[in-house]
PDB file of N, CA and C in Angstrom:
ATOM      1  N   MET A   1     -87.484  82.379  -9.783  1.00  0.00           N
ATOM      2  CA  MET A   1     -86.608  81.601  -9.941  1.00  0.00           C
ATOM      3  C   MET A   1     -86.832  80.009 -10.691  1.00  0.00           C
ATOM      4  N   PRO A   2     -88.215  79.835  -9.492  1.00  0.00           N
ATOM      5  CA  PRO A   2     -88.215  78.231  -9.666  1.00  0.00           C
ATOM      6  C   PRO A   2     -88.840  78.287 -11.152  1.00  0.00           C
ATOM      7  N   THR A   3     -89.938  79.329 -11.614  1.00  0.00           N
ATOM      8  CA  THR A   3     -90.403  79.615 -13.074  1.00  0.00           C
ATOM      9  C   THR A   3     -89.434  79.445 -14.048  1.00  0.00           C
ATOM     10  N   THR A   4     -87.973  79.374 -13.781  1.00  0.00           N
ATOM     11  CA  THR A   4     -86.531  79.858 -15.038  1.00  0.00           C
ATOM     12  C   THR A   4     -85.902  78.769 -15.088  1.00  0.00           C
ATOM     13  N   VAL A   5     -86.409  77.997 -14.097  1.00  0.00           N
ATOM     14  CA  VAL A   5     -85.447  76.440 -13.370  1.00  0.00           C
ATOM     15  C   VAL A   5     -86.051  75.391 -15.050  1.00  0.00           C
ATOM     16  N   PHE A   6     -87.870  76.097 -14.248  1.00  0.00           N
ATOM     17  CA  PHE A   6     -88.648  74.615 -14.414  1.00  0.00           C
ATOM     18  C   PHE A   6     -88.885  74.935 -16.685  1.00  0.00           C
ATOM     19  N   ARG A   7     -88.073  76.535 -16.497  1.00  0.00           N
ATOM     20  CA  ARG A   7     -88.819  77.195 -17.976  1.00  0.00           C
ATOM     21  C   ARG A   7     -87.492  76.099 -19.339  1.00  0.00           C
ATOM     22  N   CYS A   8     -86.250  76.168 -18.235  1.00  0.00           N
ATOM     23  CA  CYS A   8     -84.649  75.677 -18.752  1.00  0.00           C
ATOM     24  C   CYS A   8     -85.105  74.433 -18.824  1.00  0.00           C
ATOM     25  N   LEU A   9     -85.488  73.322 -17.906  1.00  0.00           N
ATOM     26  CA  LEU A   9     -85.371  71.877 -17.621  1.00  0.00           C
ATOM     27  C   LEU A   9     -86.544  71.533 -18.955  1.00  0.00           C
ATOM     28  N   LEU A  10     -87.517  72.393 -18.881  1.00  0.00           N
ATOM     29  CA  LEU A  10     -88.671  71.931 -20.180  1.00  0.00           C
ATOM     30  C   LEU A  10     -87.852  72.474 -22.008  1.00  0.00           C
ATOM     31  N   LEU A  11     -87.696  72.858 -21.872  1.00  0.00           N
ATOM     32  CA  LEU A  11     -86.481  73.479 -23.337  1.00  0.00           C
ATOM     33  C   LEU A  11     -85.393  72.514 -23.174  1.00  0.00           C
ATOM     34  N   LEU A  12     -85.192  71.933 -22.097  1.00  0.00           N
ATOM     35  CA  LEU A  12     -83.790  71.187 -22.333  1.00  0.00           C
ATOM     36  C   LEU A  12     -84.345  69.868 -22.927  1.00  0.00           C
ATOM     37  N   SER A  13     -85.777  69.326 -22.614  1.00  0.00           N
ATOM     38  CA  SER A  13     -86.709  67.817 -22.349  1.00  0.00           C
ATOM     39  C   SER A  13     -86.151  67.762 -23.927  1.00  0.00           C
ATOM     40  N   LEU A  14     -87.216  69.487 -24.611  1.00  0.00           N
ATOM     41  CA  LEU A  14     -88.272  69.182 -25.587  1.00  0.00           C
ATOM     42  C   LEU A  14     -86.690  69.118 -26.588  1.00  0.00           C
ATOM     43  N   ALA A  15     -85.379  69.635 -26.075  1.00  0.00           N
ATOM     44  CA  ALA A  15     -84.466  69.691 -27.377  1.00  0.00           C
ATOM     45  C   ALA A  15     -84.397  68.185 -27.330  1.00  0.00           C
ATOM     46  N   VAL A  16     -83.991  67.547 -26.006  1.00  0.00           N
ATOM     47  CA  VAL A  16     -83.726  65.782 -25.836  1.00  0.00           C
ATOM     48  C   VAL A  16     -84.687  65.025 -27.053  1.00  0.00           C
ATOM     49  N   VAL A  17     -85.489  65.140 -26.750  1.00  0.00           N
ATOM     50  CA  VAL A  17     -87.093  64.367 -27.813  1.00  0.00           C
ATOM     51  C   VAL A  17     -87.030  65.057 -28.795  1.00  0.00           C
ATOM     52  N   ASP A  18     -86.528  66.179 -29.435  1.00  0.00           N
ATOM     53  CA  ASP A  18     -86.848  66.353 -30.530  1.00  0.00           C
ATOM     54  C   ASP A  18     -85.632  65.900 -31.736  1.00  0.00           C
ATOM     55  N   GLY A  19     -84.851  65.911 -30.755  1.00  0.00           N
ATOM     56  CA  GLY A  19     -83.188  65.279 -31.483  1.00  0.00           C
ATOM     57  C   GLY A  19     -82.992  64.216 -31.566  1.00  0.00           C
ATOM     58  N   ILE A  20     -84.240  63.261 -30.810  1.00  0.00           N
ATOM     59  CA  ILE A  20     -84.294  61.691 -30.216  1.00  0.00           C
ATOM     60  C   ILE A  20     -85.095  61.371 -31.584  1.00  0.00           C
ATOM     61  N   SER A  21     -86.069  62.250 -32.073  1.00  0.00           N
ATOM     62  CA  SER A  21     -87.000  61.635 -32.599  1.00  0.00           C
ATOM     63  C   SER A  21     -86.383  62.069 -34.576  1.00  0.00           C
ATOM     64  N   TYR A  22     -84.467  63.052 -34.456  1.00  0.00           N
ATOM     65  CA  TYR A  22     -84.531  63.482 -35.859  1.00  0.00           C
ATOM     66  C   TYR A  22     -83.643  61.796 -35.942  1.00  0.00           C
ATOM     67  N   ALA A  23     -83.057  61.760 -35.401  1.00  0.00           N
ATOM     68  CA  ALA A  23     -82.398  60.077 -35.124  1.00  0.00           C
ATOM     69  C   ALA A  23     -83.300  58.580 -35.488  1.00  0.00           C
ATOM     70  N   GLY A  24     -84.661  59.031 -34.939  1.00  0.00           N
ATOM     71  CA  GLY A  24     -85.222  58.130 -35.590  1.00  0.00           C
ATOM     72  C   GLY A  24     -85.891  57.728 -36.259  1.00  0.00           C
ATOM     73  N   SER A  25     -85.621  59.008 -37.333  1.00  0.00           N
ATOM     74  CA  SER A  25     -86.310  59.291 -38.342  1.00  0.00           C
ATOM     75  C   SER A  25     -84.702  58.823 -39.003  1.00  0.00           C
ATOM     76  N   ALA A  26     -83.383  59.011 -38.815  1.00  0.00           N
ATOM     77  CA  ALA A  26     -82.899  58.505 -39.525  1.00  0.00           C
ATOM     78  C   ALA A  26     -82.397  57.353 -39.591  1.00  0.00           C
ATOM     79  N   HIS A  27     -82.457  56.534 -38.882  1.00  0.00           N
ATOM     80  CA  HIS A  27     -82.454  55.290 -38.860  1.00  0.00           C
ATOM     81  C   HIS A  27     -83.574  54.678 -39.326  1.00  0.00           C
ATOM     82  N   GLU A  28     -85.065  55.158 -39.441  1.00  0.00           N
ATOM     83  CA  GLU A  28     -86.507  55.112 -40.308  1.00  0.00           C
ATOM     84  C   GLU A  28     -86.190  54.333 -41.850  1.00  0.00           C
ATOM     85  N   GLN A  29     -85.489  56.264 -41.764  1.00  0.00           N
ATOM     86  CA  GLN A  29     -84.946  56.295 -44.005  1.00  0.00           C
ATOM     87  C   GLN A  29     -84.138  55.315 -44.061  1.00  0.00           C
ATOM     88  N   ASP A  30     -82.759  54.682 -42.957  1.00  0.00           N
ATOM     89  CA  ASP A  30     -82.019  54.425 -43.335  1.00  0.00           C
ATOM     90  C   ASP A  30     -82.638  52.094 -43.151  1.00  0.00           C
ATOM     91  N   GLN A  31     -83.573  52.058 -42.328  1.00  0.00           N
ATOM     92  CA  GLN A  31     -84.207  51.154 -43.285  1.00  0.00           C
ATOM     93  C   GLN A  31     -85.718  50.465 -44.031  1.00  0.00           C
ATOM     94  N   LEU A  32     -85.719  51.492 -44.192  1.00  0.00           N
ATOM     95  CA  LEU A  32     -86.328  51.826 -45.166  1.00  0.00           C
ATOM     96  C   LEU A  32     -86.192  51.248 -46.704  1.00  0.00           C
ATOM     97  N   SER A  33     -84.635  52.056 -46.151  1.00  0.00           N
ATOM     98  CA  SER A  33     -84.349  51.723 -48.079  1.00  0.00           C
ATOM     99  C   SER A  33     -83.785  50.767 -47.763  1.00  0.00           C
ATOM    100  N   LEU A  34     -83.586  50.169 -47.096  1.00  0.00           N
ATOM    101  CA  LEU A  34     -82.887  48.522 -47.235  1.00  0.00           C
ATOM    102  C   LEU A  34     -83.892  47.824 -47.487  1.00  0.00           C
ATOM    103  N   VAL A  35     -85.653  48.299 -47.585  1.00  0.00           N
ATOM    104  CA  VAL A  35     -86.563  47.215 -47.201  1.00  0.00           C
ATOM    105  C   VAL A  35     -86.449  47.662 -48.892  1.00  0.00           C
ATOM    106  N   GLN A  36     -86.205  48.911 -49.616  1.00  0.00           N
ATOM    107  CA  GLN A  36     -86.225  49.132 -50.987  1.00  0.00           C
ATOM    108  C   GLN A  36     -85.398  48.129 -51.522  1.00  0.00           C
ATOM    109  N   GLN A  37     -84.528  47.997 -51.316  1.00  0.00           N
ATOM    110  CA  GLN A  37     -83.402  47.345 -51.951  1.00  0.00           C
ATOM    111  C   GLN A  37     -83.586  45.318 -51.788  1.00  0.00           C
ATOM    112  N   GLN A  38     -84.480  44.965 -51.011  1.00  0.00           N
ATOM    113  CA  GLN A  38     -85.109  43.750 -50.750  1.00  0.00           C
ATOM    114  C   GLN A  38     -85.880  43.493 -51.371  1.00  0.00           C
ATOM    115  N   LEU A  39     -86.569  44.987 -51.635  1.00  0.00           N
ATOM    116  CA  LEU A  39     -88.019  44.409 -52.766  1.00  0.00           C
ATOM    117  C   LEU A  39     -87.224  44.362 -54.691  1.00  0.00           C
ATOM    118  N   ASP A  40     -86.201  45.311 -54.560  1.00  0.00           N
ATOM    119  CA  ASP A  40     -85.142  44.836 -55.645  1.00  0.00           C
ATOM    120  C   ASP A  40     -85.203  43.327 -55.894  1.00  0.00           C
ATOM    121  N   THR A  41     -84.167  42.825 -55.231  1.00  0.00           N
ATOM    122  CA  THR A  41     -84.114  41.932 -54.523  1.00  0.00           C
ATOM    123  C   THR A  41     -84.778  40.679 -54.951  1.00  0.00           C
ATOM    124  N   ILE A  42     -86.140  39.818 -54.235  1.00  0.00           N
ATOM    125  CA  ILE A  42     -87.367  39.741 -54.238  1.00  0.00           C
ATOM    126  C   ILE A  42     -87.901  39.768 -55.168  1.00  0.00           C
ATOM    127  N   GLU A  43     -87.873  40.973 -56.524  1.00  0.00           N
ATOM    128  CA  GLU A  43     -88.039  40.915 -57.905  1.00  0.00           C
ATOM    129  C   GLU A  43     -87.278  40.932 -59.119  1.00  0.00           C
ATOM    130  N   ARG A  44     -85.415  40.691 -58.095  1.00  0.00           N
ATOM    131  CA  ARG A  44     -85.287  39.950 -60.052  1.00  0.00           C
ATOM    132  C   ARG A  44     -84.871  38.557 -59.523  1.00  0.00           C
ATOM    133  N   LEU A  45     -85.404  37.595 -58.174  1.00  0.00           N
ATOM    134  CA  LEU A  45     -85.129  36.648 -57.929  1.00  0.00           C
ATOM    135  C   LEU A  45     -86.481  35.671 -58.210  1.00  0.00           C
ATOM    136  N   ALA A  46     -87.578  36.664 -58.514  1.00  0.00           N
ATOM    137  CA  ALA A  46     -88.887  36.552 -59.036  1.00  0.00           C
ATOM    138  C   ALA A  46     -89.093  36.097 -60.626  1.00  0.00           C
ATOM    139  N   ALA A  47     -88.748  37.097 -60.779  1.00  0.00           N
ATOM    140  CA  ALA A  47     -88.614  37.495 -62.512  1.00  0.00           C
ATOM    141  C   ALA A  47     -87.711  36.020 -63.170  1.00  0.00           C
ATOM    142  N   ARG A  48     -86.180  35.518 -62.363  1.00  0.00           N
ATOM    143  CA  ARG A  48     -85.745  34.637 -62.917  1.00  0.00           C
ATOM    144  C   ARG A  48     -86.370  32.799 -62.834  1.00  0.00           C
ATOM    145  N   VAL A  49     -87.045  33.382 -61.294  1.00  0.00           N
ATOM    146  CA  VAL A  49     -87.744  31.648 -61.370  1.00  0.00           C
ATOM    147  C   VAL A  49     -88.332  31.710 -62.264  1.00  0.00           C
ATOM    148  N   GLU A  50     -89.177  32.858 -62.464  1.00  0.00           N
ATOM    149  CA  GLU A  50     -90.697  33.349 -64.282  1.00  0.00           C
ATOM    150  C   GLU A  50     -90.159  32.665 -64.916  1.00  0.00           C
ATOM    151  N   ALA A  51     -88.969  32.721 -65.836  1.00  0.00           N
ATOM    152  CA  ALA A  51     -88.410  32.780 -66.696  1.00  0.00           C
ATOM    153  C   ALA A  51     -87.950  31.018 -66.601  1.00  0.00           C
ATOM    154  N   SER A  52     -87.070  30.812 -65.993  1.00  0.00           N
ATOM    155  CA  SER A  52     -87.143  29.299 -65.680  1.00  0.00           C
ATOM    156  C   SER A  52     -88.279  28.133 -65.041  1.00  0.00           C
ATOM    157  N   SER A  53     -89.273  28.596 -65.103  1.00  0.00           N
ATOM    158  CA  SER A  53     -90.879  28.262 -64.850  1.00  0.00           C
ATOM    159  C   SER A  53     -91.679  28.200 -66.081  1.00  0.00           C
ATOM    160  N   GLN A  54     -91.070  28.532 -66.789  1.00  0.00           N
ATOM    161  CA  GLN A  54     -91.742  29.027 -68.011  1.00  0.00           C
ATOM    162  C   GLN A  54     -91.710  27.752 -68.844  1.00  0.00           C
ATOM    163  N   SER A  55     -90.730  26.497 -69.241  1.00  0.00           N
ATOM    164  CA  SER A  55     -91.405  25.052 -69.354  1.00  0.00           C
ATOM    165  C   SER A  55     -92.183  24.539 -69.253  1.00  0.00           C
ATOM    166  N   GLU A  56     -91.913  24.895 -67.710  1.00  0.00           N
ATOM    167  CA  GLU A  56     -93.164  23.968 -66.870  1.00  0.00           C
ATOM    168  C   GLU A  56     -94.132  23.981 -67.015  1.00  0.00           C
ATOM    169  N   ASN A  57     -95.413  24.140 -67.981  1.00  0.00           N
ATOM    170  CA  ASN A  57     -96.577  23.957 -68.301  1.00  0.00           C
ATOM    171  C   ASN A  57     -97.287  23.270 -67.396  1.00  0.00           C
ATOM    172  N   HIS A  58     -96.310  21.809 -67.152  1.00  0.00           N
ATOM    173  CA  HIS A  58     -97.691  21.171 -66.972  1.00  0.00           C
ATOM    174  C   HIS A  58     -98.387  21.343 -65.163  1.00  0.00           C
ATOM    175  N   GLU A  59     -98.337  21.951 -64.916  1.00  0.00           N
ATOM    176  CA  GLU A  59     -98.405  22.112 -63.478  1.00  0.00           C
ATOM    177  C   GLU A  59    -100.550  22.866 -63.664  1.00  0.00           C
ATOM    178  N   ARG A  60    -101.150  21.770 -62.479  1.00  0.00           N
ATOM    179  CA  ARG A  60    -102.400  22.502 -62.096  1.00  0.00           C
ATOM    180  C   ARG A  60    -102.186  23.974 -62.376  1.00  0.00           C
ATOM    181  N   TYR A  61    -101.763  24.195 -61.395  1.00  0.00           N
ATOM    182  CA  TYR A  61    -101.489  25.764 -61.387  1.00  0.00           C
ATOM    183  C   TYR A  61    -100.496  26.382 -60.543  1.00  0.00           C
ATOM    184  N   ARG A  62    -100.012  27.358 -60.592  1.00  0.00           N
ATOM    185  CA  ARG A  62     -98.981  28.172 -61.541  1.00  0.00           C
ATOM    186  C   ARG A  62     -99.483  29.532 -60.467  1.00  0.00           C
ATOM    187  N   PHE A  63     -98.191  30.131 -60.229  1.00  0.00           N
ATOM    188  CA  PHE A  63     -97.996  31.278 -59.262  1.00  0.00           C
ATOM    189  C   PHE A  63     -98.344  32.096 -59.982  1.00  0.00           C
ATOM    190  N   ASP A  64     -98.691  33.076 -59.343  1.00  0.00           N
ATOM    191  CA  ASP A  64     -98.903  34.629 -60.427  1.00  0.00           C
ATOM    192  C   ASP A  64     -97.953  35.570 -60.692  1.00  0.00           C
ATOM    193  N   TYR A  65     -97.197  35.465 -60.988  1.00  0.00           N
ATOM    194  CA  TYR A  65     -95.719  36.635 -61.051  1.00  0.00           C
ATOM    195  C   TYR A  65     -96.262  37.413 -61.505  1.00  0.00           C
ATOM    196  N   PRO A  66     -96.741  37.909 -62.386  1.00  0.00           N
ATOM    197  CA  PRO A  66     -97.361  39.709 -62.724  1.00  0.00           C
ATOM    198  C   PRO A  66     -97.906  40.022 -61.742  1.00  0.00           C
ATOM    199  N   ARG A  67     -98.927  39.310 -60.837  1.00  0.00           N
ATOM    200  CA  ARG A  67     -99.448  39.646 -59.489  1.00  0.00           C
ATOM    201  C   ARG A  67     -97.996  40.338 -58.632  1.00  0.00           C
ATOM    202  N   LEU A  68     -98.029  39.601 -58.292  1.00  0.00           N
ATOM    203  CA  LEU A  68     -96.417  39.703 -57.034  1.00  0.00           C
ATOM    204  C   LEU A  68     -95.885  41.533 -57.537  1.00  0.00           C
ATOM    205  N   SER A  69     -95.513  41.461 -59.152  1.00  0.00           N
ATOM    206  CA  SER A  69     -94.934  42.230 -59.863  1.00  0.00           C
ATOM    207  C   SER A  69     -95.751  43.595 -58.994  1.00  0.00           C
ATOM    208  N   GLN A  70     -96.872  43.311 -59.884  1.00  0.00           N
ATOM    209  CA  GLN A  70     -97.640  44.584 -59.538  1.00  0.00           C
ATOM    210  C   GLN A  70     -97.471  45.337 -57.337  1.00  0.00           C
ATOM    211  N   ASP A  71     -97.808  43.850 -56.673  1.00  0.00           N
ATOM    212  CA  ASP A  71     -97.834  44.460 -55.081  1.00  0.00           C
ATOM    213  C   ASP A  71     -96.542  44.732 -54.530  1.00  0.00           C
ATOM    214  N   ILE A  72     -95.226  44.473 -55.271  1.00  0.00           N
ATOM    215  CA  ILE A  72     -94.484  44.702 -55.358  1.00  0.00           C
ATOM    216  C   ILE A  72     -94.135  46.059 -55.418  1.00  0.00           C
ATOM    217  N   GLN A  73     -94.430  46.623 -57.025  1.00  0.00           N
ATOM    218  CA  GLN A  73     -94.496  48.025 -56.710  1.00  0.00           C
ATOM    219  C   GLN A  73     -95.342  48.920 -56.597  1.00  0.00           C
ATOM    220  N   ARG A  74     -96.857  48.169 -55.527  1.00  0.00           N
ATOM    221  CA  ARG A  74     -97.765  49.406 -55.027  1.00  0.00           C
ATOM    222  C   ARG A  74     -96.374  49.088 -53.730  1.00  0.00           C
ATOM    223  N   ILE A  75     -96.479  48.069 -52.589  1.00  0.00           N
ATOM    224  CA  ILE A  75     -94.590  48.899 -51.596  1.00  0.00           C
ATOM    225  C   ILE A  75     -93.652  49.393 -52.667  1.00  0.00           C
ATOM    226  N   ARG A  76     -93.050  50.295 -53.517  1.00  0.00           N
ATOM    227  CA  ARG A  76     -92.664  50.789 -53.735  1.00  0.00           C
ATOM    228  C   ARG A  76     -92.550  51.910 -53.506  1.00  0.00           C
ATOM    229  N   GLN A  77     -94.062  52.221 -54.263  1.00  0.00           N
ATOM    230  CA  GLN A  77     -94.459  53.482 -54.577  1.00  0.00           C
ATOM    231  C   GLN A  77     -94.715  53.807 -52.928  1.00  0.00           C
ATOM    232  N   GLY A  78     -95.206  53.015 -52.169  1.00  0.00           N
ATOM    233  CA  GLY A  78     -95.486  53.315 -50.410  1.00  0.00           C
ATOM    234  C   GLY A  78     -94.068  53.752 -50.053  1.00  0.00           C
ATOM    235  N   VAL A  79     -93.557  53.118 -49.947  1.00  0.00           N
ATOM    236  CA  VAL A  79     -92.446  53.221 -49.229  1.00  0.00           C
ATOM    237  C   VAL A  79     -91.912  54.690 -49.649  1.00  0.00           C
ATOM    238  N   GLN A  80     -91.804  55.341 -51.468  1.00  0.00           N
ATOM    239  CA  GLN A  80     -90.922  56.336 -51.580  1.00  0.00           C
ATOM    240  C   GLN A  80     -91.565  57.199 -51.965  1.00  0.00           C
ATOM    241  N   GLY A  81     -92.516  57.049 -51.698  1.00  0.00           N
ATOM    242  CA  GLY A  81     -93.872  57.955 -50.834  1.00  0.00           C
ATOM    243  C   GLY A  81     -93.598  58.839 -49.851  1.00  0.00           C
ATOM    244  N   TYR A  82     -93.365  58.018 -48.759  1.00  0.00           N
ATOM    245  CA  TYR A  82     -93.246  58.280 -47.287  1.00  0.00           C
ATOM    246  C   TYR A  82     -92.062  58.327 -46.866  1.00  0.00           C
ATOM    247  N   LEU A  83     -90.774  58.128 -48.298  1.00  0.00           N
ATOM    248  CA  LEU A  83     -89.273  58.784 -47.782  1.00  0.00           C
ATOM    249  C   LEU A  83     -89.083  59.729 -49.050  1.00  0.00           C
ATOM    250  N   SER A  84     -90.281  60.226 -50.090  1.00  0.00           N
ATOM    251  CA  SER A  84     -89.968  61.700 -49.942  1.00  0.00           C
ATOM    252  C   SER A  84     -91.535  62.187 -50.772  1.00  0.00           C
ATOM    253  N   PRO A  85     -92.045  62.586 -49.843  1.00  0.00           N
ATOM    254  CA  PRO A  85     -93.635  62.720 -50.027  1.00  0.00           C
ATOM    255  C   PRO A  85     -93.191  64.629 -50.924  1.00  0.00           C
ATOM    256  N   SER A  86     -93.439  64.148 -51.790  1.00  0.00           N
ATOM    257  CA  SER A  86     -94.376  65.576 -52.765  1.00  0.00           C
ATOM    258  C   SER A  86     -95.020  66.908 -51.692  1.00  0.00           C
ATOM    259  N   ARG A  87     -95.950  66.194 -51.628  1.00  0.00           N
ATOM    260  CA  ARG A  87     -96.481  67.124 -51.030  1.00  0.00           C
ATOM    261  C   ARG A  87     -98.096  66.093 -49.934  1.00  0.00           C
ATOM    262  N   ALA A  88     -99.560  67.405 -48.593  1.00  0.00           N
ATOM    263  CA  ALA A  88    -100.133  66.831 -48.330  1.00  0.00           C
ATOM    264  C   ALA A  88    -101.403  65.577 -49.032  1.00  0.00           C
ATOM    265  N   GLN A  89    -101.335  64.828 -49.377  1.00  0.00           N
ATOM    266  CA  GLN A  89    -102.319  64.348 -50.311  1.00  0.00           C
ATOM    267  C   GLN A  89    -103.150  63.007 -49.342  1.00  0.00           C
ATOM    268  N   PRO A  90    -104.461  63.134 -50.262  1.00  0.00           N
ATOM    269  CA  PRO A  90    -104.909  61.863 -49.219  1.00  0.00           C
ATOM    270  C   PRO A  90    -104.504  60.101 -49.905  1.00  0.00           C
ATOM    271  N   ARG A  91    -104.279  58.915 -49.057  1.00  0.00           N
ATOM    272  CA  ARG A  91    -103.758  58.447 -49.272  1.00  0.00           C
ATOM    273  C   ARG A  91    -104.887  56.949 -50.427  1.00  0.00           C
ATOM    274  N   ASP A  92    -104.528  56.158 -50.877  1.00  0.00           N
ATOM    275  CA  ASP A  92    -105.195  55.273 -52.295  1.00  0.00           C
ATOM    276  C   ASP A  92    -105.666  54.427 -50.905  1.00  0.00           C
ATOM    277  N   PRO A  93    -106.300  53.904 -50.223  1.00  0.00           N
ATOM    278  CA  PRO A  93    -107.215  53.384 -49.983  1.00  0.00           C
ATOM    279  C   PRO A  93    -106.952  51.881 -50.684  1.00  0.00           C
ATOM    280  N   SER A  94    -106.990  51.133 -51.230  1.00  0.00           N
ATOM    281  CA  SER A  94    -106.954  50.193 -52.245  1.00  0.00           C
ATOM    282  C   SER A  94    -105.985  48.734 -51.463  1.00  0.00           C
ATOM    283  N   GLU A  95    -105.848  47.755 -51.303  1.00  0.00           N
ATOM    284  CA  GLU A  95    -105.691  46.714 -50.759  1.00  0.00           C
ATOM    285  C   GLU A  95    -104.764  45.992 -51.887  1.00  0.00           C
ATOM    286  N   LEU A  96    -103.145  45.163 -51.583  1.00  0.00           N
ATOM    287  CA  LEU A  96    -103.173  44.942 -51.737  1.00  0.00           C
ATOM    288  C   LEU A  96    -103.776  43.134 -52.112  1.00  0.00           C
ATOM    289  N   VAL A  97    -103.642  42.582 -53.264  1.00  0.00           N
ATOM    290  CA  VAL A  97    -104.185  41.566 -53.786  1.00  0.00           C
ATOM    291  C   VAL A  97    -103.631  40.073 -52.768  1.00  0.00           C
ATOM    292  N   GLY A  98    -102.570  39.500 -52.953  1.00  0.00           N
ATOM    293  CA  GLY A  98    -102.747  38.576 -51.526  1.00  0.00           C
ATOM    294  C   GLY A  98    -102.196  36.859 -52.053  1.00  0.00           C
ATOM    295  N   ASP A  99    -103.185  37.476 -52.564  1.00  0.00           N
ATOM    296  CA  ASP A  99    -103.452  35.870 -53.990  1.00  0.00           C
ATOM    297  C   ASP A  99    -102.455  35.806 -54.820  1.00  0.00           C
ATOM    298  N   TYR A 100    -101.872  34.435 -55.047  1.00  0.00           N
ATOM    299  CA  TYR A 100    -100.784  34.783 -55.974  1.00  0.00           C
ATOM    300  C   TYR A 100    -101.198  32.822 -56.720  1.00  0.00           C
ATOM    301  N   ARG A 101    -101.998  32.539 -57.152  1.00  0.00           N
ATOM    302  CA  ARG A 101    -101.753  30.749 -57.378  1.00  0.00           C
ATOM    303  C   ARG A 101    -103.076  31.398 -58.409  1.00  0.00           C
ATOM    304  N   LEU A 102    -102.810  30.756 -59.561  1.00  0.00           N
ATOM    305  CA  LEU A 102    -103.540  30.589 -60.954  1.00  0.00           C
ATOM    306  C   LEU A 102    -103.788  29.278 -61.004  1.00  0.00           C
ATOM    307  N   ASP A 103    -105.188  29.273 -62.563  1.00  0.00           N
ATOM    308  CA  ASP A 103    -105.374  27.434 -61.958  1.00  0.00           C
ATOM    309  C   ASP A 103    -104.861  27.884 -63.972  1.00  0.00           C
ATOM    310  N   THR A 104    -104.277  26.937 -64.067  1.00  0.00           N
ATOM    311  CA  THR A 104    -104.089  26.694 -65.646  1.00  0.00           C
ATOM    312  C   THR A 104    -105.018  25.917 -66.355  1.00  0.00           C
ATOM    313  N   PRO A 105    -105.212  26.337 -67.446  1.00  0.00           N
ATOM    314  CA  PRO A 105    -106.366  25.233 -68.371  1.00  0.00           C
ATOM    315  C   PRO A 105    -106.257  24.151 -68.655  1.00  0.00           C
ATOM    316  N   SER A 106    -106.622  23.457 -68.474  1.00  0.00           N
ATOM    317  CA  SER A 106    -106.363  21.468 -68.889  1.00  0.00           C
ATOM    318  C   SER A 106    -106.003  21.656 -70.516  1.00  0.00           C
ATOM    319  N   SER A 107    -104.739  21.633 -70.847  1.00  0.00           N
ATOM    320  CA  SER A 107    -105.025  21.168 -72.167  1.00  0.00           C
ATOM    321  C   SER A 107    -106.219  20.049 -72.694  1.00  0.00           C
ATOM    322  N   GLU A 108    -106.470  18.594 -72.009  1.00  0.00           N
ATOM    323  CA  GLU A 108    -106.981  18.020 -72.241  1.00  0.00           C
ATOM    324  C   GLU A 108    -108.275  18.231 -72.431  1.00  0.00           C
ATOM    325  N   PRO A 109    -109.947  17.847 -73.794  1.00  0.00           N
ATOM    326  CA  PRO A 109    -110.305  18.914 -73.217  1.00  0.00           C
ATOM    327  C   PRO A 109    -112.087  17.544 -72.501  1.00  0.00           C
ATOM    328  N   SER A 110    -113.402  18.371 -71.642  1.00  0.00           N
ATOM    329  CA  SER A 110    -113.526  18.363 -70.678  1.00  0.00           C
ATOM    330  C   SER A 110    -114.828  16.287 -71.323  1.00  0.00           C
ATOM    331  N   PRO A 111    -114.238  15.539 -70.811  1.00  0.00           N
ATOM    332  CA  PRO A 111    -115.177  14.476 -71.770  1.00  0.00           C
ATOM    333  C   PRO A 111    -116.691  14.764 -71.426  1.00  0.00           C
TER     334      PRO A 111
END
């Protein structure tokens, strides 16, 4: 009799834990979908700023918008790959660059 009660409690606890993991998974998917929306927003804002800063090329350093866009795409692909994996594959080990400053060549010749 105690073995039967123990088995029932074990099965009940496994069902509860399994149910919690599915709830966490749905919440995680919602949050990652929100991350994707925010990445879209960041990309639109960056494109807008890049377009407005094209006329201001007199700065020595500029922000590297193409590199930022590449990193955003890489993050987006990682999130999308997690949300809807096609099959088990090894991960791509390359890292984000993270350095977004470009040196602008001077328009004056060096003495």
